[in-house]
PDB file of N, CA and C in Angstrom:
ATOM      1  N   UNK A   1      92.681 -15.539 -14.065  1.00  0.00           N
ATOM      2  CA  UNK A   1      92.910 -15.840 -12.670  1.00  0.00           C
ATOM      3  C   UNK A   1      93.680 -14.654 -12.067  1.00  0.00           C
ATOM      4  N   UNK A   2      93.069 -14.032 -11.108  1.00  0.00           N
ATOM      5  CA  UNK A   2      93.675 -12.845 -10.507  1.00  0.00           C
ATOM      6  C   UNK A   2      94.446 -13.227  -9.254  1.00  0.00           C
ATOM      7  N   UNK A   3      95.207 -12.259  -8.773  1.00  0.00           N
ATOM      8  CA  UNK A   3      95.958 -12.516  -7.547  1.00  0.00           C
ATOM      9  C   UNK A   3      95.037 -12.639  -6.335  1.00  0.00           C
ATOM     10  N   UNK A   4      93.884 -12.009  -6.394  1.00  0.00           N
ATOM     11  CA  UNK A   4      92.912 -12.126  -5.296  1.00  0.00           C
ATOM     12  C   UNK A   4      92.376 -13.551  -5.192  1.00  0.00           C
ATOM     13  N   UNK A   5      92.092 -14.168  -6.327  1.00  0.00           N
ATOM     14  CA  UNK A   5      91.584 -15.543  -6.296  1.00  0.00           C
ATOM     15  C   UNK A   5      92.660 -16.519  -5.831  1.00  0.00           C
ATOM     16  N   UNK A   6      93.895 -16.258  -6.197  1.00  0.00           N
ATOM     17  CA  UNK A   6      94.993 -17.122  -5.742  1.00  0.00           C
ATOM     18  C   UNK A   6      95.165 -17.006  -4.226  1.00  0.00           C
ATOM     19  N   UNK A   7      95.086 -15.788  -3.717  1.00  0.00           N
ATOM     20  CA  UNK A   7      95.197 -15.589  -2.268  1.00  0.00           C
ATOM     21  C   UNK A   7      94.028 -16.237  -1.546  1.00  0.00           C
ATOM     22  N   UNK A   8      92.838 -16.160  -2.128  1.00  0.00           N
ATOM     23  CA  UNK A   8      91.659 -16.784  -1.520  1.00  0.00           C
ATOM     24  C   UNK A   8      91.802 -18.315  -1.479  1.00  0.00           C
ATOM     25  N   UNK A   9      92.279 -18.901  -2.567  1.00  0.00           N
ATOM     26  CA  UNK A   9      92.480 -20.359  -2.604  1.00  0.00           C
ATOM     27  C   UNK A   9      93.557 -20.762  -1.597  1.00  0.00           C
ATOM     28  N   UNK A  10      94.633 -20.005  -1.517  1.00  0.00           N
ATOM     29  CA  UNK A  10      95.692 -20.311  -0.553  1.00  0.00           C
ATOM     30  C   UNK A  10      95.183 -20.186   0.876  1.00  0.00           C
ATOM     31  N   UNK A  11      94.355 -19.182   1.129  1.00  0.00           N
ATOM     32  CA  UNK A  11      93.785 -19.003   2.465  1.00  0.00           C
ATOM     33  C   UNK A  11      92.867 -20.171   2.828  1.00  0.00           C
ATOM     34  N   UNK A  12      92.016 -20.574   1.899  1.00  0.00           N
ATOM     35  CA  UNK A  12      91.133 -21.716   2.144  1.00  0.00           C
ATOM     36  C   UNK A  12      91.935 -22.995   2.352  1.00  0.00           C
ATOM     37  N   UNK A  13      93.006 -23.179   1.592  1.00  0.00           N
ATOM     38  CA  UNK A  13      93.848 -24.362   1.727  1.00  0.00           C
ATOM     39  C   UNK A  13      94.505 -24.416   3.096  1.00  0.00           C
ATOM     40  N   UNK A  14      95.022 -23.286   3.556  1.00  0.00           N
ATOM     41  CA  UNK A  14      95.641 -23.254   4.889  1.00  0.00           C
ATOM     42  C   UNK A  14      94.615 -23.488   5.982  1.00  0.00           C
ATOM     43  N   UNK A  15      93.402 -22.972   5.798  1.00  0.00           N
ATOM     44  CA  UNK A  15      92.353 -23.177   6.798  1.00  0.00           C
ATOM     45  C   UNK A  15      91.959 -24.656   6.866  1.00  0.00           C
ATOM     46  N   UNK A  16      91.834 -25.296   5.719  1.00  0.00           N
ATOM     47  CA  UNK A  16      91.503 -26.726   5.690  1.00  0.00           C
ATOM     48  C   UNK A  16      92.632 -27.549   6.311  1.00  0.00           C
ATOM     49  N   UNK A  17      93.870 -27.194   6.002  1.00  0.00           N
ATOM     50  CA  UNK A  17      95.006 -27.909   6.590  1.00  0.00           C
ATOM     51  C   UNK A  17      95.033 -27.744   8.104  1.00  0.00           C
ATOM     52  N   UNK A  18      94.704 -26.569   8.588  1.00  0.00           N
ATOM     53  CA  UNK A  18      94.647 -26.338  10.035  1.00  0.00           C
ATOM     54  C   UNK A  18      93.534 -27.154  10.680  1.00  0.00           C
ATOM     55  N   UNK A  19      92.376 -27.186  10.045  1.00  0.00           N
ATOM     56  CA  UNK A  19      91.261 -27.968  10.586  1.00  0.00           C
ATOM     57  C   UNK A  19      91.569 -29.457  10.593  1.00  0.00           C
ATOM     58  N   UNK A  20      92.238 -29.938   9.543  1.00  0.00           N
ATOM     59  CA  UNK A  20      92.529 -31.364   9.452  1.00  0.00           C
ATOM     60  C   UNK A  20      93.622 -31.803  10.421  1.00  0.00           C
ATOM     61  N   UNK A  21      94.573 -30.930  10.691  1.00  0.00           N
ATOM     62  CA  UNK A  21      95.672 -31.315  11.574  1.00  0.00           C
ATOM     63  C   UNK A  21      95.363 -31.073  13.043  1.00  0.00           C
ATOM     64  N   UNK A  22      94.340 -30.296  13.354  1.00  0.00           N
ATOM     65  CA  UNK A  22      94.046 -29.937  14.744  1.00  0.00           C
ATOM     66  C   UNK A  22      93.763 -31.142  15.648  1.00  0.00           C
ATOM     67  N   UNK A  23      92.913 -32.095  15.280  1.00  0.00           N
ATOM     68  CA  UNK A  23      92.657 -33.214  16.207  1.00  0.00           C
ATOM     69  C   UNK A  23      93.911 -34.030  16.520  1.00  0.00           C
ATOM     70  N   UNK A  24      94.734 -34.262  15.524  1.00  0.00           N
ATOM     71  CA  UNK A  24      95.941 -35.057  15.727  1.00  0.00           C
ATOM     72  C   UNK A  24      96.943 -34.300  16.589  1.00  0.00           C
ATOM     73  N   UNK A  25      97.168 -33.038  16.248  1.00  0.00           N
ATOM     74  CA  UNK A  25      98.140 -32.255  16.997  1.00  0.00           C
ATOM     75  C   UNK A  25      97.695 -31.991  18.430  1.00  0.00           C
ATOM     76  N   UNK A  26      96.408 -31.717  18.617  1.00  0.00           N
ATOM     77  CA  UNK A  26      95.922 -31.462  19.976  1.00  0.00           C
ATOM     78  C   UNK A  26      95.992 -32.703  20.853  1.00  0.00           C
ATOM     79  N   UNK A  27      95.671 -33.857  20.285  1.00  0.00           N
ATOM     80  CA  UNK A  27      95.762 -35.080  21.093  1.00  0.00           C
ATOM     81  C   UNK A  27      97.212 -35.374  21.460  1.00  0.00           C
ATOM     82  N   UNK A  28      98.134 -35.198  20.518  1.00  0.00           N
ATOM     83  CA  UNK A  28      99.553 -35.419  20.820  1.00  0.00           C
ATOM     84  C   UNK A  28     100.058 -34.397  21.837  1.00  0.00           C
ATOM     85  N   UNK A  29      99.581 -33.162  21.752  1.00  0.00           N
ATOM     86  CA  UNK A  29      99.980 -32.128  22.693  1.00  0.00           C
ATOM     87  C   UNK A  29      99.494 -32.427  24.101  1.00  0.00           C
ATOM     88  N   UNK A  30      98.248 -32.803  24.235  1.00  0.00           N
ATOM     89  CA  UNK A  30      97.680 -33.093  25.558  1.00  0.00           C
ATOM     90  C   UNK A  30      98.357 -34.313  26.174  1.00  0.00           C
ATOM     91  N   UNK A  31      98.546 -35.354  25.394  1.00  0.00           N
ATOM     92  CA  UNK A  31      99.183 -36.565  25.916  1.00  0.00           C
ATOM     93  C   UNK A  31     100.640 -36.289  26.261  1.00  0.00           C
ATOM     94  N   UNK A  32     101.332 -35.550  25.412  1.00  0.00           N
ATOM     95  CA  UNK A  32     102.723 -35.207  25.707  1.00  0.00           C
ATOM     96  C   UNK A  32     102.854 -34.372  26.964  1.00  0.00           C
ATOM     97  N   UNK A  33     101.937 -33.434  27.156  1.00  0.00           N
ATOM     98  CA  UNK A  33     101.966 -32.621  28.374  1.00  0.00           C
ATOM     99  C   UNK A  33     101.698 -33.468  29.612  1.00  0.00           C
ATOM    100  N   UNK A  34     100.721 -34.373  29.529  1.00  0.00           N
ATOM    101  CA  UNK A  34     100.411 -35.232  30.673  1.00  0.00           C
ATOM    102  C   UNK A  34     101.587 -36.155  31.005  1.00  0.00           C
ATOM    103  N   UNK A  35     102.216 -36.718  29.995  1.00  0.00           N
ATOM    104  CA  UNK A  35     103.358 -37.596  30.225  1.00  0.00           C
ATOM    105  C   UNK A  35     104.535 -36.820  30.809  1.00  0.00           C
ATOM    106  N   UNK A  36     104.802 -35.618  30.292  1.00  0.00           N
ATOM    107  CA  UNK A  36     105.913 -34.839  30.824  1.00  0.00           C
ATOM    108  C   UNK A  36     105.631 -34.376  32.248  1.00  0.00           C
ATOM    109  N   UNK A  37     104.369 -34.092  32.562  1.00  0.00           N
ATOM    110  CA  UNK A  37     104.010 -33.754  33.939  1.00  0.00           C
ATOM    111  C   UNK A  37     104.231 -34.945  34.860  1.00  0.00           C
ATOM    112  N   UNK A  38     103.834 -36.134  34.391  1.00  0.00           N
ATOM    113  CA  UNK A  38     104.064 -37.351  35.162  1.00  0.00           C
ATOM    114  C   UNK A  38     105.555 -37.611  35.350  1.00  0.00           C
ATOM    115  N   UNK A  39     106.327 -37.404  34.291  1.00  0.00           N
ATOM    116  CA  UNK A  39     107.769 -37.627  34.383  1.00  0.00           C
ATOM    117  C   UNK A  39     108.430 -36.633  35.329  1.00  0.00           C
ATOM    118  N   UNK A  40     107.983 -35.411  35.338  1.00  0.00           N
ATOM    119  CA  UNK A  40     108.599 -34.427  36.240  1.00  0.00           C
ATOM    120  C   UNK A  40     108.197 -34.676  37.690  1.00  0.00           C
ATOM    121  N   UNK A  41     107.006 -35.214  37.904  1.00  0.00           N
ATOM    122  CA  UNK A  41     106.586 -35.507  39.281  1.00  0.00           C
ATOM    123  C   UNK A  41     107.306 -36.727  39.830  1.00  0.00           C
ATOM    124  N   UNK A  42     107.535 -37.719  38.994  1.00  0.00           N
ATOM    125  CA  UNK A  42     108.179 -38.949  39.460  1.00  0.00           C
ATOM    126  C   UNK A  42     109.679 -38.964  39.183  1.00  0.00           C
ATOM    127  N   UNK A  43     110.175 -37.984  38.468  1.00  0.00           N
ATOM    128  CA  UNK A  43     111.572 -37.851  38.077  1.00  0.00           C
ATOM    129  C   UNK A  43     112.073 -39.059  37.277  1.00  0.00           C
ATOM    130  N   UNK A  44     111.184 -39.629  36.497  1.00  0.00           N
ATOM    131  CA  UNK A  44     111.556 -40.675  35.537  1.00  0.00           C
ATOM    132  C   UNK A  44     111.831 -39.961  34.218  1.00  0.00           C
ATOM    133  N   UNK A  45     113.061 -39.955  33.791  1.00  0.00           N
ATOM    134  CA  UNK A  45     113.435 -39.254  32.563  1.00  0.00           C
ATOM    135  C   UNK A  45     113.729 -40.261  31.450  1.00  0.00           C
ATOM    136  N   UNK A  46     112.713 -40.921  31.009  1.00  0.00           N
ATOM    137  CA  UNK A  46     112.840 -41.903  29.933  1.00  0.00           C
ATOM    138  C   UNK A  46     112.167 -41.322  28.686  1.00  0.00           C
ATOM    139  N   UNK A  47     112.922 -41.189  27.595  1.00  0.00           N
ATOM    140  CA  UNK A  47     112.393 -40.563  26.391  1.00  0.00           C
ATOM    141  C   UNK A  47     111.369 -41.438  25.679  1.00  0.00           C
ATOM    142  N   UNK A  48     111.497 -42.742  25.811  1.00  0.00           N
ATOM    143  CA  UNK A  48     110.590 -43.635  25.096  1.00  0.00           C
ATOM    144  C   UNK A  48     109.262 -43.808  25.812  1.00  0.00           C
ATOM    145  N   UNK A  49     109.131 -43.289  27.013  1.00  0.00           N
ATOM    146  CA  UNK A  49     107.895 -43.444  27.785  1.00  0.00           C
ATOM    147  C   UNK A  49     106.726 -42.717  27.118  1.00  0.00           C
ATOM    148  N   UNK A  50     106.977 -41.632  26.444  1.00  0.00           N
ATOM    149  CA  UNK A  50     105.881 -40.867  25.849  1.00  0.00           C
ATOM    150  C   UNK A  50     105.523 -41.334  24.444  1.00  0.00           C
ATOM    151  N   UNK A  51     106.307 -42.201  23.848  1.00  0.00           N
ATOM    152  CA  UNK A  51     106.069 -42.591  22.458  1.00  0.00           C
ATOM    153  C   UNK A  51     104.795 -43.414  22.293  1.00  0.00           C
ATOM    154  N   UNK A  52     104.643 -44.468  23.074  1.00  0.00           N
ATOM    155  CA  UNK A  52     103.504 -45.369  22.904  1.00  0.00           C
ATOM    156  C   UNK A  52     102.177 -44.668  23.211  1.00  0.00           C
ATOM    157  N   UNK A  53     102.055 -43.908  24.320  1.00  0.00           N
ATOM    158  CA  UNK A  53     100.778 -43.204  24.534  1.00  0.00           C
ATOM    159  C   UNK A  53     100.447 -42.196  23.438  1.00  0.00           C
ATOM    160  N   UNK A  54     101.462 -41.532  22.893  1.00  0.00           N
ATOM    161  CA  UNK A  54     101.198 -40.589  21.802  1.00  0.00           C
ATOM    162  C   UNK A  54     100.718 -41.313  20.557  1.00  0.00           C
ATOM    163  N   UNK A  55     101.322 -42.443  20.247  1.00  0.00           N
ATOM    164  CA  UNK A  55     100.898 -43.214  19.072  1.00  0.00           C
ATOM    165  C   UNK A  55      99.467 -43.700  19.251  1.00  0.00           C
ATOM    166  N   UNK A  56      99.138 -44.184  20.445  1.00  0.00           N
ATOM    167  CA  UNK A  56      97.771 -44.629  20.708  1.00  0.00           C
ATOM    168  C   UNK A  56      96.784 -43.463  20.661  1.00  0.00           C
ATOM    169  N   UNK A  57      97.185 -42.316  21.198  1.00  0.00           N
ATOM    170  CA  UNK A  57      96.311 -41.145  21.182  1.00  0.00           C
ATOM    171  C   UNK A  57      96.071 -40.621  19.784  1.00  0.00           C
ATOM    172  N   UNK A  58      97.113 -40.581  18.972  1.00  0.00           N
ATOM    173  CA  UNK A  58      96.958 -40.131  17.585  1.00  0.00           C
ATOM    174  C   UNK A  58      96.105 -41.137  16.806  1.00  0.00           C
ATOM    175  N   UNK A  59      96.292 -42.416  17.067  1.00  0.00           N
ATOM    176  CA  UNK A  59      95.449 -43.430  16.423  1.00  0.00           C
ATOM    177  C   UNK A  59      93.995 -43.290  16.815  1.00  0.00           C
ATOM    178  N   UNK A  60      93.751 -43.017  18.093  1.00  0.00           N
ATOM    179  CA  UNK A  60      92.367 -42.813  18.553  1.00  0.00           C
ATOM    180  C   UNK A  60      91.770 -41.555  17.934  1.00  0.00           C
ATOM    181  N   UNK A  61      92.571 -40.497  17.818  1.00  0.00           N
ATOM    182  CA  UNK A  61      92.078 -39.267  17.190  1.00  0.00           C
ATOM    183  C   UNK A  61      91.738 -39.508  15.722  1.00  0.00           C
ATOM    184  N   UNK A  62      92.553 -40.314  15.045  1.00  0.00           N
ATOM    185  CA  UNK A  62      92.254 -40.639  13.648  1.00  0.00           C
ATOM    186  C   UNK A  62      90.996 -41.491  13.526  1.00  0.00           C
ATOM    187  N   UNK A  63      90.811 -42.413  14.457  1.00  0.00           N
ATOM    188  CA  UNK A  63      89.607 -43.236  14.414  1.00  0.00           C
ATOM    189  C   UNK A  63      88.351 -42.414  14.691  1.00  0.00           C
ATOM    190  N   UNK A  64      88.450 -41.495  15.643  1.00  0.00           N
ATOM    191  CA  UNK A  64      87.282 -40.698  16.004  1.00  0.00           C
ATOM    192  C   UNK A  64      86.985 -39.602  14.983  1.00  0.00           C
ATOM    193  N   UNK A  65      88.011 -38.978  14.436  1.00  0.00           N
ATOM    194  CA  UNK A  65      87.818 -37.826  13.550  1.00  0.00           C
ATOM    195  C   UNK A  65      88.103 -38.133  12.089  1.00  0.00           C
ATOM    196  N   UNK A  66      88.462 -39.361  11.777  1.00  0.00           N
ATOM    197  CA  UNK A  66      88.853 -39.700  10.411  1.00  0.00           C
ATOM    198  C   UNK A  66      87.759 -39.469   9.388  1.00  0.00           C
ATOM    199  N   UNK A  67      86.529 -39.830   9.737  1.00  0.00           N
ATOM    200  CA  UNK A  67      85.420 -39.649   8.809  1.00  0.00           C
ATOM    201  C   UNK A  67      85.192 -38.165   8.526  1.00  0.00           C
ATOM    202  N   UNK A  68      85.215 -37.364   9.587  1.00  0.00           N
ATOM    203  CA  UNK A  68      85.041 -35.917   9.423  1.00  0.00           C
ATOM    204  C   UNK A  68      86.189 -35.317   8.611  1.00  0.00           C
ATOM    205  N   UNK A  69      87.409 -35.770   8.875  1.00  0.00           N
ATOM    206  CA  UNK A  69      88.571 -35.251   8.159  1.00  0.00           C
ATOM    207  C   UNK A  69      88.486 -35.588   6.670  1.00  0.00           C
ATOM    208  N   UNK A  70      88.126 -36.814   6.362  1.00  0.00           N
ATOM    209  CA  UNK A  70      88.001 -37.229   4.965  1.00  0.00           C
ATOM    210  C   UNK A  70      86.879 -36.472   4.268  1.00  0.00           C
ATOM    211  N   UNK A  71      85.764 -36.296   4.955  1.00  0.00           N
ATOM    212  CA  UNK A  71      84.636 -35.550   4.388  1.00  0.00           C
ATOM    213  C   UNK A  71      85.038 -34.093   4.106  1.00  0.00           C
ATOM    214  N   UNK A  72      85.760 -33.470   5.027  1.00  0.00           N
ATOM    215  CA  UNK A  72      86.207 -32.088   4.846  1.00  0.00           C
ATOM    216  C   UNK A  72      87.150 -31.976   3.661  1.00  0.00           C
ATOM    217  N   UNK A  73      88.078 -32.898   3.537  1.00  0.00           N
ATOM    218  CA  UNK A  73      89.044 -32.869   2.437  1.00  0.00           C
ATOM    219  C   UNK A  73      88.366 -33.107   1.091  1.00  0.00           C
ATOM    220  N   UNK A  74      87.441 -34.053   1.030  1.00  0.00           N
ATOM    221  CA  UNK A  74      86.739 -34.329  -0.223  1.00  0.00           C
ATOM    222  C   UNK A  74      85.852 -33.143  -0.609  1.00  0.00           C
ATOM    223  N   UNK A  75      85.186 -32.549   0.378  1.00  0.00           N
ATOM    224  CA  UNK A  75      84.340 -31.386   0.102  1.00  0.00           C
ATOM    225  C   UNK A  75      85.168 -30.216  -0.443  1.00  0.00           C
ATOM    226  N   UNK A  76      86.320 -29.973   0.149  1.00  0.00           N
ATOM    227  CA  UNK A  76      87.192 -28.902  -0.333  1.00  0.00           C
ATOM    228  C   UNK A  76      87.669 -29.180  -1.751  1.00  0.00           C
ATOM    229  N   UNK A  77      88.032 -30.420  -2.033  1.00  0.00           N
ATOM    230  CA  UNK A  77      88.521 -30.785  -3.361  1.00  0.00           C
ATOM    231  C   UNK A  77      87.424 -30.642  -4.406  1.00  0.00           C
ATOM    232  N   UNK A  78      86.209 -31.074  -4.074  1.00  0.00           N
ATOM    233  CA  UNK A  78      85.094 -30.953  -5.017  1.00  0.00           C
ATOM    234  C   UNK A  78      84.787 -29.489  -5.295  1.00  0.00           C
ATOM    235  N   UNK A  79      84.790 -28.660  -4.257  1.00  0.00           N
ATOM    236  CA  UNK A  79      84.541 -27.231  -4.456  1.00  0.00           C
ATOM    237  C   UNK A  79      85.641 -26.584  -5.299  1.00  0.00           C
ATOM    238  N   UNK A  80      86.867 -27.013  -5.083  1.00  0.00           N
ATOM    239  CA  UNK A  80      87.979 -26.460  -5.853  1.00  0.00           C
ATOM    240  C   UNK A  80      87.885 -26.853  -7.324  1.00  0.00           C
ATOM    241  N   UNK A  81      87.566 -28.109  -7.596  1.00  0.00           N
ATOM    242  CA  UNK A  81      87.423 -28.542  -8.989  1.00  0.00           C
ATOM    243  C   UNK A  81      86.186 -27.920  -9.637  1.00  0.00           C
ATOM    244  N   UNK A  82      85.129 -27.671  -8.865  1.00  0.00           N
ATOM    245  CA  UNK A  82      83.936 -27.025  -9.422  1.00  0.00           C
ATOM    246  C   UNK A  82      84.229 -25.572  -9.774  1.00  0.00           C
ATOM    247  N   UNK A  83      85.107 -24.921  -9.035  1.00  0.00           N
ATOM    248  CA  UNK A  83      85.426 -23.521  -9.300  1.00  0.00           C
ATOM    249  C   UNK A  83      86.522 -23.362 -10.341  1.00  0.00           C
ATOM    250  N   UNK A  84      87.140 -24.444 -10.751  1.00  0.00           N
ATOM    251  CA  UNK A  84      88.248 -24.380 -11.696  1.00  0.00           C
ATOM    252  C   UNK A  84      87.893 -23.728 -13.044  1.00  0.00           C
ATOM    253  N   UNK A  85      86.775 -24.060 -13.679  1.00  0.00           N
ATOM    254  CA  UNK A  85      86.464 -23.393 -14.949  1.00  0.00           C
ATOM    255  C   UNK A  85      86.274 -21.878 -14.808  1.00  0.00           C
ATOM    256  N   UNK A  86      85.684 -21.452 -13.712  1.00  0.00           N
ATOM    257  CA  UNK A  86      85.494 -20.019 -13.508  1.00  0.00           C
ATOM    258  C   UNK A  86      86.824 -19.326 -13.247  1.00  0.00           C
ATOM    259  N   UNK A  87      87.747 -20.035 -12.607  1.00  0.00           N
ATOM    260  CA  UNK A  87      89.040 -19.434 -12.327  1.00  0.00           C
ATOM    261  C   UNK A  87      89.914 -19.318 -13.570  1.00  0.00           C
ATOM    262  N   UNK A  88      89.806 -20.293 -14.447  1.00  0.00           N
ATOM    263  CA  UNK A  88      90.653 -20.293 -15.640  1.00  0.00           C
ATOM    264  C   UNK A  88      90.113 -19.413 -16.765  1.00  0.00           C
ATOM    265  N   UNK A  89      88.814 -19.257 -16.820  1.00  0.00           N
ATOM    266  CA  UNK A  89      88.292 -18.518 -17.953  1.00  0.00           C
ATOM    267  C   UNK A  89      87.340 -17.520 -17.526  1.00  0.00           C
TER     268      UNK A  89
END
């Protein structure tokens, strides 16, 4: 196992982690921005106002993208285990 293969596996792992976290983080970001814009326009400064919409948005993102996320993670894991014998020997 060379340092190049380790760097390649680490790069693929970070790319998969970025792809898997993107739908959740983007939905929370968009909802948080919309809520903060609403709060600044109405001058309602309540910290708990953004919690429930973010939870619902993240739940919706998981429902919509969950199958794709699980498929991506399983595919990456299968490819990693398939490449394991070549990496070790």
